[in-house]
């Protein structure tokens, strides 16, 4: 009697584990949200692409450097705009970089270095 009860309990445990595993495998994985939905949830002070976001301060830094290099004459707002993108394209073109009009780590580093080499004219 004890042996039959132990086998019955073992069978129930195995079946229970199998059904739990089957239920887990049957549940489809959650899909990632489309980029436009993810970007809508971002704070307004972040700018850029879904792969990298730039803070308002970083965009201001780029605008100031571009202004110092006489490539940008717009307002330094910290907001990416078409004038900033065009200035970035001019900078990238003149420094043999990929011309995207977008900010990147390498562009920001190079902008900072190039603008610090130029002495301000007053």
PDB file of N, CA and C in Angstrom:
ATOM      1  N   UNK A   1       0.824  -1.192   0.000  1.00  0.00           N
ATOM      2  CA  UNK A   1       0.000   0.000   0.000  1.00  0.00           C
ATOM      3  C   UNK A   1       0.870   1.259   0.000  1.00  0.00           C
ATOM      4  N   UNK A   2       1.859   1.258   0.856  1.00  0.00           N
ATOM      5  CA  UNK A   2       2.760   2.407   0.927  1.00  0.00           C
ATOM      6  C   UNK A   2       3.471   2.623  -0.409  1.00  0.00           C
ATOM      7  N   UNK A   3       3.860   1.537  -1.040  1.00  0.00           N
ATOM      8  CA  UNK A   3       4.575   1.611  -2.306  1.00  0.00           C
ATOM      9  C   UNK A   3       3.669   2.232  -3.379  1.00  0.00           C
ATOM     10  N   UNK A   4       2.418   1.857  -3.422  1.00  0.00           N
ATOM     11  CA  UNK A   4       1.482   2.394  -4.410  1.00  0.00           C
ATOM     12  C   UNK A   4       1.239   3.879  -4.163  1.00  0.00           C
ATOM     13  N   UNK A   5       1.146   4.276  -2.923  1.00  0.00           N
ATOM     14  CA  UNK A   5       0.942   5.677  -2.582  1.00  0.00           C
ATOM     15  C   UNK A   5       2.162   6.501  -2.989  1.00  0.00           C
ATOM     16  N   UNK A   6       3.350   5.992  -2.714  1.00  0.00           N
ATOM     17  CA  UNK A   6       4.582   6.702  -3.086  1.00  0.00           C
ATOM     18  C   UNK A   6       4.677   6.842  -4.590  1.00  0.00           C
ATOM     19  N   UNK A   7       4.340   5.801  -5.340  1.00  0.00           N
ATOM     20  CA  UNK A   7       4.374   5.864  -6.799  1.00  0.00           C
ATOM     21  C   UNK A   7       3.328   6.841  -7.325  1.00  0.00           C
ATOM     22  N   UNK A   8       2.172   6.850  -6.709  1.00  0.00           N
ATOM     23  CA  UNK A   8       1.112   7.772  -7.109  1.00  0.00           C
ATOM     24  C   UNK A   8       1.542   9.222  -6.884  1.00  0.00           C
ATOM     25  N   UNK A   9       2.139   9.491  -5.744  1.00  0.00           N
ATOM     26  CA  UNK A   9       2.614  10.849  -5.438  1.00  0.00           C
ATOM     27  C   UNK A   9       3.729  11.247  -6.400  1.00  0.00           C
ATOM     28  N   UNK A  10       4.658  10.341  -6.671  1.00  0.00           N
ATOM     29  CA  UNK A  10       5.752  10.626  -7.603  1.00  0.00           C
ATOM     30  C   UNK A  10       5.196  10.927  -8.987  1.00  0.00           C
ATOM     31  N   UNK A  11       4.194  10.175  -9.418  1.00  0.00           N
ATOM     32  CA  UNK A  11       3.568  10.400 -10.721  1.00  0.00           C
ATOM     33  C   UNK A  11       2.893  11.758 -10.791  1.00  0.00           C
ATOM     34  N   UNK A  12       2.207  12.141  -9.735  1.00  0.00           N
ATOM     35  CA  UNK A  12       1.545  13.448  -9.692  1.00  0.00           C
ATOM     36  C   UNK A  12       2.573  14.568  -9.765  1.00  0.00           C
ATOM     37  N   UNK A  13       3.685  14.424  -9.039  1.00  0.00           N
ATOM     38  CA  UNK A  13       4.732  15.433  -9.067  1.00  0.00           C
ATOM     39  C   UNK A  13       5.330  15.574 -10.463  1.00  0.00           C
ATOM     40  N   UNK A  14       5.581  14.459 -11.123  1.00  0.00           N
ATOM     41  CA  UNK A  14       6.151  14.491 -12.477  1.00  0.00           C
ATOM     42  C   UNK A  14       5.172  15.154 -13.439  1.00  0.00           C
ATOM     43  N   UNK A  15       3.914  14.756 -13.367  1.00  0.00           N
ATOM     44  CA  UNK A  15       2.906  15.351 -14.249  1.00  0.00           C
ATOM     45  C   UNK A  15       2.733  16.840 -13.960  1.00  0.00           C
ATOM     46  N   UNK A  16       2.752  17.199 -12.707  1.00  0.00           N
ATOM     47  CA  UNK A  16       2.619  18.611 -12.338  1.00  0.00           C
ATOM     48  C   UNK A  16       3.774  19.438 -12.879  1.00  0.00           C
ATOM     49  N   UNK A  17       4.982  18.909 -12.769  1.00  0.00           N
ATOM     50  CA  UNK A  17       6.170  19.602 -13.281  1.00  0.00           C
ATOM     51  C   UNK A  17       6.112  19.721 -14.788  1.00  0.00           C
ATOM     52  N   UNK A  18       5.682  18.682 -15.464  1.00  0.00           N
ATOM     53  CA  UNK A  18       5.600  18.692 -16.919  1.00  0.00           C
ATOM     54  C   UNK A  18       4.566  19.705 -17.396  1.00  0.00           C
ATOM     55  N   UNK A  19       3.420  19.782 -16.705  1.00  0.00           N
ATOM     56  CA  UNK A  19       2.391  20.726 -17.139  1.00  0.00           C
ATOM     57  C   UNK A  19       2.826  22.164 -16.875  1.00  0.00           C
ATOM     58  N   UNK A  20       3.561  22.397 -15.797  1.00  0.00           N
ATOM     59  CA  UNK A  20       4.078  23.740 -15.516  1.00  0.00           C
ATOM     60  C   UNK A  20       5.084  24.141 -16.588  1.00  0.00           C
ATOM     61  N   UNK A  21       5.972  23.220 -16.954  1.00  0.00           N
ATOM     62  CA  UNK A  21       6.971  23.486 -17.983  1.00  0.00           C
ATOM     63  C   UNK A  21       6.287  23.757 -19.322  1.00  0.00           C
ATOM     64  N   UNK A  22       5.269  22.978 -19.666  1.00  0.00           N
ATOM     65  CA  UNK A  22       4.552  23.163 -20.922  1.00  0.00           C
ATOM     66  C   UNK A  22       3.869  24.526 -20.951  1.00  0.00           C
ATOM     67  N   UNK A  23       3.300  24.937 -19.828  1.00  0.00           N
ATOM     68  CA  UNK A  23       2.634  26.247 -19.757  1.00  0.00           C
ATOM     69  C   UNK A  23       3.643  27.373 -19.935  1.00  0.00           C
ATOM     70  N   UNK A  24       4.835  27.238 -19.352  1.00  0.00           N
ATOM     71  CA  UNK A  24       5.868  28.258 -19.492  1.00  0.00           C
ATOM     72  C   UNK A  24       6.339  28.353 -20.935  1.00  0.00           C
ATOM     73  N   UNK A  25       6.476  27.212 -21.587  1.00  0.00           N
ATOM     74  CA  UNK A  25       6.939  27.205 -22.967  1.00  0.00           C
ATOM     75  C   UNK A  25       5.861  27.698 -23.917  1.00  0.00           C
ATOM     76  N   UNK A  26       4.607  27.534 -23.571  1.00  0.00           N
ATOM     77  CA  UNK A  26       3.504  27.947 -24.429  1.00  0.00           C
ATOM     78  C   UNK A  26       3.292  29.458 -24.384  1.00  0.00           C
ATOM     79  N   UNK A  27       3.749  30.110 -23.328  1.00  0.00           N
ATOM     80  CA  UNK A  27       3.575  31.553 -23.207  1.00  0.00           C
ATOM     81  C   UNK A  27       4.540  32.251 -24.162  1.00  0.00           C
ATOM     82  N   UNK A  28       4.017  33.028 -25.115  1.00  0.00           N
ATOM     83  CA  UNK A  28       4.914  33.693 -26.066  1.00  0.00           C
ATOM     84  C   UNK A  28       5.730  34.781 -25.358  1.00  0.00           C
ATOM     85  N   UNK A  29       6.959  34.997 -25.811  1.00  0.00           N
ATOM     86  CA  UNK A  29       7.779  36.047 -25.195  1.00  0.00           C
ATOM     87  C   UNK A  29       7.171  37.413 -25.490  1.00  0.00           C
ATOM     88  N   UNK A  30       7.382  38.351 -24.579  1.00  0.00           N
ATOM     89  CA  UNK A  30       6.868  39.700 -24.781  1.00  0.00           C
ATOM     90  C   UNK A  30       7.642  40.361 -25.907  1.00  0.00           C
ATOM     91  N   UNK A  31       6.906  41.058 -26.758  1.00  0.00           N
ATOM     92  CA  UNK A  31       7.541  41.767 -27.864  1.00  0.00           C
ATOM     93  C   UNK A  31       8.037  43.121 -27.366  1.00  0.00           C
ATOM     94  N   UNK A  32       9.159  43.557 -27.930  1.00  0.00           N
ATOM     95  CA  UNK A  32       9.686  44.880 -27.586  1.00  0.00           C
ATOM     96  C   UNK A  32       8.755  45.939 -28.169  1.00  0.00           C
ATOM     97  N   UNK A  33       8.642  47.049 -27.454  1.00  0.00           N
ATOM     98  CA  UNK A  33       7.811  48.138 -27.961  1.00  0.00           C
ATOM     99  C   UNK A  33       8.465  48.757 -29.179  1.00  0.00           C
ATOM    100  N   UNK A  34       7.663  49.220 -30.135  1.00  0.00           N
ATOM    101  CA  UNK A  34       8.247  49.912 -31.282  1.00  0.00           C
ATOM    102  C   UNK A  34       9.012  51.143 -30.801  1.00  0.00           C
ATOM    103  N   UNK A  35      10.078  51.544 -31.525  1.00  0.00           N
ATOM    104  CA  UNK A  35      10.894  52.681 -31.079  1.00  0.00           C
ATOM    105  C   UNK A  35      10.099  53.958 -30.847  1.00  0.00           C
ATOM    106  N   UNK A  36       9.082  54.229 -31.674  1.00  0.00           N
ATOM    107  CA  UNK A  36       8.333  55.476 -31.502  1.00  0.00           C
ATOM    108  C   UNK A  36       7.596  55.511 -30.167  1.00  0.00           C
ATOM    109  N   UNK A  37       7.124  54.362 -29.680  1.00  0.00           N
ATOM    110  CA  UNK A  37       6.463  54.336 -28.378  1.00  0.00           C
ATOM    111  C   UNK A  37       7.478  54.522 -27.260  1.00  0.00           C
ATOM    112  N   UNK A  38       8.636  53.892 -27.415  1.00  0.00           N
ATOM    113  CA  UNK A  38       9.678  54.019 -26.395  1.00  0.00           C
ATOM    114  C   UNK A  38      10.167  55.458 -26.322  1.00  0.00           C
ATOM    115  N   UNK A  39      10.305  56.120 -27.466  1.00  0.00           N
ATOM    116  CA  UNK A  39      10.797  57.502 -27.483  1.00  0.00           C
ATOM    117  C   UNK A  39       9.763  58.457 -26.898  1.00  0.00           C
ATOM    118  N   UNK A  40       8.481  58.150 -27.064  1.00  0.00           N
ATOM    119  CA  UNK A  40       7.435  59.023 -26.529  1.00  0.00           C
ATOM    120  C   UNK A  40       7.485  59.064 -25.009  1.00  0.00           C
ATOM    121  N   UNK A  41       8.000  57.996 -24.407  1.00  0.00           N
ATOM    122  CA  UNK A  41       8.060  57.932 -22.953  1.00  0.00           C
ATOM    123  C   UNK A  41       9.323  58.574 -22.385  1.00  0.00           C
ATOM    124  N   UNK A  42      10.228  59.051 -23.251  1.00  0.00           N
ATOM    125  CA  UNK A  42      11.486  59.638 -22.779  1.00  0.00           C
ATOM    126  C   UNK A  42      11.274  61.058 -22.286  1.00  0.00           C
ATOM    127  N   UNK A  43      12.085  61.479 -21.338  1.00  0.00           N
ATOM    128  CA  UNK A  43      11.991  62.861 -20.880  1.00  0.00           C
ATOM    129  C   UNK A  43      12.298  63.826 -22.015  1.00  0.00           C
ATOM    130  N   UNK A  44      11.703  64.989 -21.983  1.00  0.00           N
ATOM    131  CA  UNK A  44      11.885  65.980 -23.034  1.00  0.00           C
ATOM    132  C   UNK A  44      13.327  66.456 -23.142  1.00  0.00           C
ATOM    133  N   UNK A  45      14.100  66.365 -22.059  1.00  0.00           N
ATOM    134  CA  UNK A  45      15.478  66.870 -22.100  1.00  0.00           C
ATOM    135  C   UNK A  45      16.463  65.886 -22.716  1.00  0.00           C
ATOM    136  N   UNK A  46      15.975  64.783 -23.266  1.00  0.00           N
ATOM    137  CA  UNK A  46      16.840  63.811 -23.927  1.00  0.00           C
ATOM    138  C   UNK A  46      16.633  63.917 -25.435  1.00  0.00           C
ATOM    139  N   UNK A  47      17.715  63.850 -26.196  1.00  0.00           N
ATOM    140  CA  UNK A  47      17.650  63.980 -27.648  1.00  0.00           C
ATOM    141  C   UNK A  47      18.520  62.915 -28.271  1.00  0.00           C
ATOM    142  N   UNK A  48      18.162  62.457 -29.455  1.00  0.00           N
ATOM    143  CA  UNK A  48      19.025  61.520 -30.148  1.00  0.00           C
ATOM    144  C   UNK A  48      18.290  60.373 -30.774  1.00  0.00           C
ATOM    145  N   UNK A  49      19.001  59.281 -30.903  1.00  0.00           N
ATOM    146  CA  UNK A  49      18.462  58.095 -31.531  1.00  0.00           C
ATOM    147  C   UNK A  49      18.141  57.078 -30.454  1.00  0.00           C
ATOM    148  N   UNK A  50      17.356  56.050 -30.783  1.00  0.00           N
ATOM    149  CA  UNK A  50      17.047  55.040 -29.772  1.00  0.00           C
ATOM    150  C   UNK A  50      18.277  54.339 -29.208  1.00  0.00           C
ATOM    151  N   UNK A  51      19.390  54.359 -29.971  1.00  0.00           N
ATOM    152  CA  UNK A  51      20.576  53.673 -29.467  1.00  0.00           C
ATOM    153  C   UNK A  51      21.374  54.525 -28.493  1.00  0.00           C
ATOM    154  N   UNK A  52      21.205  55.810 -28.575  1.00  0.00           N
ATOM    155  CA  UNK A  52      21.924  56.679 -27.639  1.00  0.00           C
ATOM    156  C   UNK A  52      21.169  57.988 -27.471  1.00  0.00           C
ATOM    157  N   UNK A  53      20.998  58.414 -26.261  1.00  0.00           N
ATOM    158  CA  UNK A  53      20.307  59.653 -25.973  1.00  0.00           C
ATOM    159  C   UNK A  53      21.304  60.691 -25.475  1.00  0.00           C
ATOM    160  N   UNK A  54      21.101  61.909 -25.874  1.00  0.00           N
ATOM    161  CA  UNK A  54      21.978  63.003 -25.482  1.00  0.00           C
ATOM    162  C   UNK A  54      21.221  63.937 -24.561  1.00  0.00           C
ATOM    163  N   UNK A  55      21.877  64.345 -23.496  1.00  0.00           N
ATOM    164  CA  UNK A  55      21.245  65.277 -22.569  1.00  0.00           C
ATOM    165  C   UNK A  55      21.264  66.675 -23.165  1.00  0.00           C
ATOM    166  N   UNK A  56      20.450  67.534 -22.610  1.00  0.00           N
ATOM    167  CA  UNK A  56      20.414  68.928 -23.037  1.00  0.00           C
ATOM    168  C   UNK A  56      21.796  69.551 -22.902  1.00  0.00           C
ATOM    169  N   UNK A  57      22.510  69.223 -21.836  1.00  0.00           N
ATOM    170  CA  UNK A  57      23.851  69.781 -21.627  1.00  0.00           C
ATOM    171  C   UNK A  57      24.831  69.327 -22.700  1.00  0.00           C
ATOM    172  N   UNK A  58      24.743  68.080 -23.123  1.00  0.00           N
ATOM    173  CA  UNK A  58      25.639  67.591 -24.179  1.00  0.00           C
ATOM    174  C   UNK A  58      25.335  68.266 -25.513  1.00  0.00           C
ATOM    175  N   UNK A  59      24.054  68.457 -25.819  1.00  0.00           N
ATOM    176  CA  UNK A  59      23.685  69.142 -27.060  1.00  0.00           C
ATOM    177  C   UNK A  59      24.146  70.597 -26.995  1.00  0.00           C
ATOM    178  N   UNK A  60      23.994  71.238 -25.826  1.00  0.00           N
ATOM    179  CA  UNK A  60      24.493  72.615 -25.656  1.00  0.00           C
ATOM    180  C   UNK A  60      26.000  72.679 -25.880  1.00  0.00           C
ATOM    181  N   UNK A  61      26.695  71.706 -25.321  1.00  0.00           N
ATOM    182  CA  UNK A  61      28.150  71.624 -25.471  1.00  0.00           C
ATOM    183  C   UNK A  61      28.517  71.541 -26.952  1.00  0.00           C
ATOM    184  N   UNK A  62      27.815  70.710 -27.701  1.00  0.00           N
ATOM    185  CA  UNK A  62      28.067  70.575 -29.137  1.00  0.00           C
ATOM    186  C   UNK A  62      27.746  71.877 -29.861  1.00  0.00           C
ATOM    187  N   UNK A  63      26.629  72.510 -29.514  1.00  0.00           N
ATOM    188  CA  UNK A  63      26.252  73.765 -30.160  1.00  0.00           C
ATOM    189  C   UNK A  63      27.291  74.862 -29.877  1.00  0.00           C
ATOM    190  N   UNK A  64      27.767  74.908 -28.637  1.00  0.00           N
ATOM    191  CA  UNK A  64      28.799  75.897 -28.299  1.00  0.00           C
ATOM    192  C   UNK A  64      30.086  75.650 -29.079  1.00  0.00           C
ATOM    193  N   UNK A  65      30.494  74.387 -29.157  1.00  0.00           N
ATOM    194  CA  UNK A  65      31.718  74.055 -29.898  1.00  0.00           C
ATOM    195  C   UNK A  65      31.549  74.396 -31.377  1.00  0.00           C
ATOM    196  N   UNK A  66      30.408  74.053 -31.954  1.00  0.00           N
ATOM    197  CA  UNK A  66      30.144  74.365 -33.357  1.00  0.00           C
ATOM    198  C   UNK A  66      30.109  75.869 -33.583  1.00  0.00           C
ATOM    199  N   UNK A  67      29.555  76.590 -32.626  1.00  0.00           N
ATOM    200  CA  UNK A  67      29.521  78.050 -32.702  1.00  0.00           C
ATOM    201  C   UNK A  67      30.931  78.619 -32.645  1.00  0.00           C
ATOM    202  N   UNK A  68      31.738  78.083 -31.751  1.00  0.00           N
ATOM    203  CA  UNK A  68      33.130  78.515 -31.594  1.00  0.00           C
ATOM    204  C   UNK A  68      33.919  78.281 -32.883  1.00  0.00           C
ATOM    205  N   UNK A  69      33.567  77.218 -33.602  1.00  0.00           N
ATOM    206  CA  UNK A  69      34.230  76.890 -34.862  1.00  0.00           C
ATOM    207  C   UNK A  69      33.592  77.616 -36.050  1.00  0.00           C
ATOM    208  N   UNK A  70      32.629  78.482 -35.752  1.00  0.00           N
ATOM    209  CA  UNK A  70      31.910  79.281 -36.750  1.00  0.00           C
ATOM    210  C   UNK A  70      31.118  78.422 -37.747  1.00  0.00           C
ATOM    211  N   UNK A  71      30.609  77.316 -37.261  1.00  0.00           N
ATOM    212  CA  UNK A  71      29.780  76.450 -38.090  1.00  0.00           C
ATOM    213  C   UNK A  71      28.303  76.563 -37.712  1.00  0.00           C
ATOM    214  N   UNK A  72      28.036  77.136 -36.554  1.00  0.00           N
ATOM    215  CA  UNK A  72      26.672  77.236 -36.047  1.00  0.00           C
ATOM    216  C   UNK A  72      26.457  78.645 -35.524  1.00  0.00           C
ATOM    217  N   UNK A  73      25.400  79.304 -36.021  1.00  0.00           N
ATOM    218  CA  UNK A  73      25.125  80.655 -35.518  1.00  0.00           C
ATOM    219  C   UNK A  73      23.730  80.765 -34.915  1.00  0.00           C
ATOM    220  N   UNK A  74      23.146  79.625 -34.609  1.00  0.00           N
ATOM    221  CA  UNK A  74      21.828  79.610 -33.981  1.00  0.00           C
ATOM    222  C   UNK A  74      21.933  79.798 -32.472  1.00  0.00           C
ATOM    223  N   UNK A  75      20.780  79.780 -31.836  1.00  0.00           N
ATOM    224  CA  UNK A  75      20.739  79.895 -30.375  1.00  0.00           C
ATOM    225  C   UNK A  75      21.229  78.600 -29.746  1.00  0.00           C
ATOM    226  N   UNK A  76      21.952  78.741 -28.659  1.00  0.00           N
ATOM    227  CA  UNK A  76      22.422  77.580 -27.909  1.00  0.00           C
ATOM    228  C   UNK A  76      21.325  77.218 -26.911  1.00  0.00           C
ATOM    229  N   UNK A  77      20.497  76.261 -27.316  1.00  0.00           N
ATOM    230  CA  UNK A  77      19.319  75.898 -26.531  1.00  0.00           C
ATOM    231  C   UNK A  77      19.446  74.527 -25.870  1.00  0.00           C
ATOM    232  N   UNK A  78      20.338  73.700 -26.419  1.00  0.00           N
ATOM    233  CA  UNK A  78      20.437  72.337 -25.924  1.00  0.00           C
ATOM    234  C   UNK A  78      19.424  71.411 -26.567  1.00  0.00           C
ATOM    235  N   UNK A  79      18.712  71.921 -27.573  1.00  0.00           N
ATOM    236  CA  UNK A  79      17.744  71.126 -28.315  1.00  0.00           C
ATOM    237  C   UNK A  79      18.274  70.902 -29.723  1.00  0.00           C
ATOM    238  N   UNK A  80      18.316  69.646 -30.135  1.00  0.00           N
ATOM    239  CA  UNK A  80      18.770  69.317 -31.482  1.00  0.00           C
ATOM    240  C   UNK A  80      17.771  69.879 -32.478  1.00  0.00           C
ATOM    241  N   UNK A  81      18.272  70.589 -33.482  1.00  0.00           N
ATOM    242  CA  UNK A  81      17.400  71.162 -34.503  1.00  0.00           C
ATOM    243  C   UNK A  81      18.104  71.064 -35.861  1.00  0.00           C
ATOM    244  N   UNK A  82      17.436  71.504 -36.905  1.00  0.00           N
ATOM    245  CA  UNK A  82      17.992  71.365 -38.254  1.00  0.00           C
ATOM    246  C   UNK A  82      19.280  72.162 -38.429  1.00  0.00           C
ATOM    247  N   UNK A  83      19.394  73.326 -37.780  1.00  0.00           N
ATOM    248  CA  UNK A  83      20.629  74.111 -37.875  1.00  0.00           C
ATOM    249  C   UNK A  83      21.800  73.377 -37.214  1.00  0.00           C
ATOM    250  N   UNK A  84      21.535  72.746 -36.077  1.00  0.00           N
ATOM    251  CA  UNK A  84      22.570  71.970 -35.383  1.00  0.00           C
ATOM    252  C   UNK A  84      22.979  70.778 -36.243  1.00  0.00           C
ATOM    253  N   UNK A  85      22.006  70.103 -36.837  1.00  0.00           N
ATOM    254  CA  UNK A  85      22.301  68.955 -37.688  1.00  0.00           C
ATOM    255  C   UNK A  85      23.138  69.361 -38.896  1.00  0.00           C
ATOM    256  N   UNK A  86      22.807  70.493 -39.513  1.00  0.00           N
ATOM    257  CA  UNK A  86      23.583  70.969 -40.672  1.00  0.00           C
ATOM    258  C   UNK A  86      25.004  71.331 -40.255  1.00  0.00           C
ATOM    259  N   UNK A  87      25.156  71.973 -39.111  1.00  0.00           N
ATOM    260  CA  UNK A  87      26.493  72.314 -38.609  1.00  0.00           C
ATOM    261  C   UNK A  87      27.288  71.035 -38.315  1.00  0.00           C
ATOM    262  N   UNK A  88      26.630  70.038 -37.757  1.00  0.00           N
ATOM    263  CA  UNK A  88      27.299  68.752 -37.504  1.00  0.00           C
ATOM    264  C   UNK A  88      27.743  68.114 -38.817  1.00  0.00           C
ATOM    265  N   UNK A  89      26.897  68.184 -39.853  1.00  0.00           N
ATOM    266  CA  UNK A  89      27.273  67.630 -41.155  1.00  0.00           C
ATOM    267  C   UNK A  89      28.502  68.346 -41.718  1.00  0.00           C
ATOM    268  N   UNK A  90      28.522  69.681 -41.600  1.00  0.00           N
ATOM    269  CA  UNK A  90      29.682  70.452 -42.086  1.00  0.00           C
ATOM    270  C   UNK A  90      30.946  70.046 -41.332  1.00  0.00           C
ATOM    271  N   UNK A  91      30.825  69.917 -40.010  1.00  0.00           N
ATOM    272  CA  UNK A  91      31.972  69.515 -39.197  1.00  0.00           C
ATOM    273  C   UNK A  91      32.445  68.117 -39.594  1.00  0.00           C
ATOM    274  N   UNK A  92      31.510  67.189 -39.710  1.00  0.00           N
ATOM    275  CA  UNK A  92      31.862  65.811 -40.065  1.00  0.00           C
ATOM    276  C   UNK A  92      32.526  65.752 -41.438  1.00  0.00           C
ATOM    277  N   UNK A  93      31.980  66.495 -42.391  1.00  0.00           N
ATOM    278  CA  UNK A  93      32.547  66.517 -43.742  1.00  0.00           C
ATOM    279  C   UNK A  93      33.974  67.057 -43.724  1.00  0.00           C
ATOM    280  N   UNK A  94      34.194  68.148 -43.014  1.00  0.00           N
ATOM    281  CA  UNK A  94      35.518  68.779 -43.003  1.00  0.00           C
ATOM    282  C   UNK A  94      36.551  67.981 -42.205  1.00  0.00           C
ATOM    283  N   UNK A  95      36.103  66.996 -41.422  1.00  0.00           N
ATOM    284  CA  UNK A  95      37.028  66.178 -40.628  1.00  0.00           C
ATOM    285  C   UNK A  95      37.030  64.712 -41.077  1.00  0.00           C
ATOM    286  N   UNK A  96      36.569  64.486 -42.322  1.00  0.00           N
ATOM    287  CA  UNK A  96      36.561  63.141 -42.920  1.00  0.00           C
ATOM    288  C   UNK A  96      35.888  62.100 -42.030  1.00  0.00           C
ATOM    289  N   UNK A  97      34.770  62.499 -41.447  1.00  0.00           N
ATOM    290  CA  UNK A  97      33.975  61.584 -40.618  1.00  0.00           C
ATOM    291  C   UNK A  97      32.736  61.184 -41.415  1.00  0.00           C
ATOM    292  N   UNK A  98      32.069  60.144 -40.986  1.00  0.00           N
ATOM    293  CA  UNK A  98      30.796  59.769 -41.611  1.00  0.00           C
ATOM    294  C   UNK A  98      29.832  60.946 -41.453  1.00  0.00           C
ATOM    295  N   UNK A  99      29.248  61.380 -42.551  1.00  0.00           N
ATOM    296  CA  UNK A  99      28.369  62.554 -42.539  1.00  0.00           C
ATOM    297  C   UNK A  99      26.941  62.103 -42.260  1.00  0.00           C
ATOM    298  N   UNK A 100      26.535  62.298 -41.006  1.00  0.00           N
ATOM    299  CA  UNK A 100      25.194  61.879 -40.577  1.00  0.00           C
ATOM    300  C   UNK A 100      24.358  63.049 -40.062  1.00  0.00           C
ATOM    301  N   UNK A 101      25.023  64.100 -39.604  1.00  0.00           N
ATOM    302  CA  UNK A 101      24.288  65.206 -38.987  1.00  0.00           C
ATOM    303  C   UNK A 101      23.815  64.868 -37.587  1.00  0.00           C
ATOM    304  N   UNK A 102      24.322  63.754 -37.065  1.00  0.00           N
ATOM    305  CA  UNK A 102      23.923  63.332 -35.720  1.00  0.00           C
ATOM    306  C   UNK A 102      25.106  63.364 -34.786  1.00  0.00           C
ATOM    307  N   UNK A 103      24.796  63.569 -33.540  1.00  0.00           N
ATOM    308  CA  UNK A 103      25.810  63.590 -32.496  1.00  0.00           C
ATOM    309  C   UNK A 103      26.193  62.156 -32.155  1.00  0.00           C
ATOM    310  N   UNK A 104      27.463  61.942 -31.893  1.00  0.00           N
ATOM    311  CA  UNK A 104      27.945  60.634 -31.443  1.00  0.00           C
ATOM    312  C   UNK A 104      29.072  60.892 -30.457  1.00  0.00           C
ATOM    313  N   UNK A 105      29.494  59.857 -29.760  1.00  0.00           N
ATOM    314  CA  UNK A 105      30.599  60.014 -28.817  1.00  0.00           C
ATOM    315  C   UNK A 105      31.840  60.548 -29.526  1.00  0.00           C
ATOM    316  N   UNK A 106      32.163  59.959 -30.683  1.00  0.00           N
ATOM    317  CA  UNK A 106      33.374  60.376 -31.392  1.00  0.00           C
ATOM    318  C   UNK A 106      33.256  61.809 -31.905  1.00  0.00           C
ATOM    319  N   UNK A 107      32.074  62.200 -32.373  1.00  0.00           N
ATOM    320  CA  UNK A 107      31.878  63.578 -32.852  1.00  0.00           C
ATOM    321  C   UNK A 107      32.004  64.556 -31.689  1.00  0.00           C
ATOM    322  N   UNK A 108      31.394  64.232 -30.564  1.00  0.00           N
ATOM    323  CA  UNK A 108      31.448  65.125 -29.407  1.00  0.00           C
ATOM    324  C   UNK A 108      32.880  65.294 -28.896  1.00  0.00           C
ATOM    325  N   UNK A 109      33.622  64.202 -28.829  1.00  0.00           N
ATOM    326  CA  UNK A 109      35.023  64.273 -28.381  1.00  0.00           C
ATOM    327  C   UNK A 109      35.834  65.143 -29.344  1.00  0.00           C
ATOM    328  N   UNK A 110      35.645  64.911 -30.638  1.00  0.00           N
ATOM    329  CA  UNK A 110      36.405  65.667 -31.644  1.00  0.00           C
ATOM    330  C   UNK A 110      35.999  67.141 -31.636  1.00  0.00           C
ATOM    331  N   UNK A 111      34.718  67.416 -31.468  1.00  0.00           N
ATOM    332  CA  UNK A 111      34.243  68.805 -31.383  1.00  0.00           C
ATOM    333  C   UNK A 111      34.901  69.524 -30.219  1.00  0.00           C
ATOM    334  N   UNK A 112      34.914  68.873 -29.069  1.00  0.00           N
ATOM    335  CA  UNK A 112      35.521  69.485 -27.876  1.00  0.00           C
ATOM    336  C   UNK A 112      37.001  69.760 -28.103  1.00  0.00           C
ATOM    337  N   UNK A 113      37.681  68.790 -28.699  1.00  0.00           N
ATOM    338  CA  UNK A 113      39.120  68.945 -28.931  1.00  0.00           C
ATOM    339  C   UNK A 113      39.386  70.069 -29.941  1.00  0.00           C
ATOM    340  N   UNK A 114      38.678  70.063 -31.055  1.00  0.00           N
ATOM    341  CA  UNK A 114      38.882  71.071 -32.104  1.00  0.00           C
ATOM    342  C   UNK A 114      38.525  72.468 -31.632  1.00  0.00           C
ATOM    343  N   UNK A 115      37.441  72.604 -30.892  1.00  0.00           N
ATOM    344  CA  UNK A 115      37.031  73.934 -30.453  1.00  0.00           C
ATOM    345  C   UNK A 115      37.949  74.474 -29.372  1.00  0.00           C
ATOM    346  N   UNK A 116      38.582  73.592 -28.578  1.00  0.00           N
ATOM    347  CA  UNK A 116      39.504  74.071 -27.556  1.00  0.00           C
ATOM    348  C   UNK A 116      40.843  74.477 -28.160  1.00  0.00           C
ATOM    349  N   UNK A 117      41.154  73.998 -29.379  1.00  0.00           N
ATOM    350  CA  UNK A 117      42.404  74.362 -30.055  1.00  0.00           C
ATOM    351  C   UNK A 117      42.321  75.759 -30.643  1.00  0.00           C
ATOM    352  N   UNK A 118      41.115  76.177 -30.966  1.00  0.00           N
ATOM    353  CA  UNK A 118      40.916  77.501 -31.551  1.00  0.00           C
ATOM    354  C   UNK A 118      40.812  78.533 -30.444  1.00  0.00           C
ATOM    355  N   UNK A 119      41.542  79.618 -30.586  1.00  0.00           N
ATOM    356  CA  UNK A 119      41.417  80.660 -29.565  1.00  0.00           C
ATOM    357  C   UNK A 119      40.258  81.569 -29.956  1.00  0.00           C
ATOM    358  N   UNK A 120      39.469  81.954 -28.979  1.00  0.00           N
ATOM    359  CA  UNK A 120      38.314  82.798 -29.296  1.00  0.00           C
ATOM    360  C   UNK A 120      38.757  84.171 -29.802  1.00  0.00           C
ATOM    361  N   UNK A 121      38.047  84.658 -30.824  1.00  0.00           N
ATOM    362  CA  UNK A 121      38.322  85.999 -31.341  1.00  0.00           C
ATOM    363  C   UNK A 121      37.272  86.928 -30.789  1.00  0.00           C
ATOM    364  N   UNK A 122      37.739  88.032 -30.285  1.00  0.00           N
ATOM    365  CA  UNK A 122      36.794  89.000 -29.695  1.00  0.00           C
ATOM    366  C   UNK A 122      36.880  90.312 -30.379  1.00  0.00           C
TER     367      UNK A 122
END
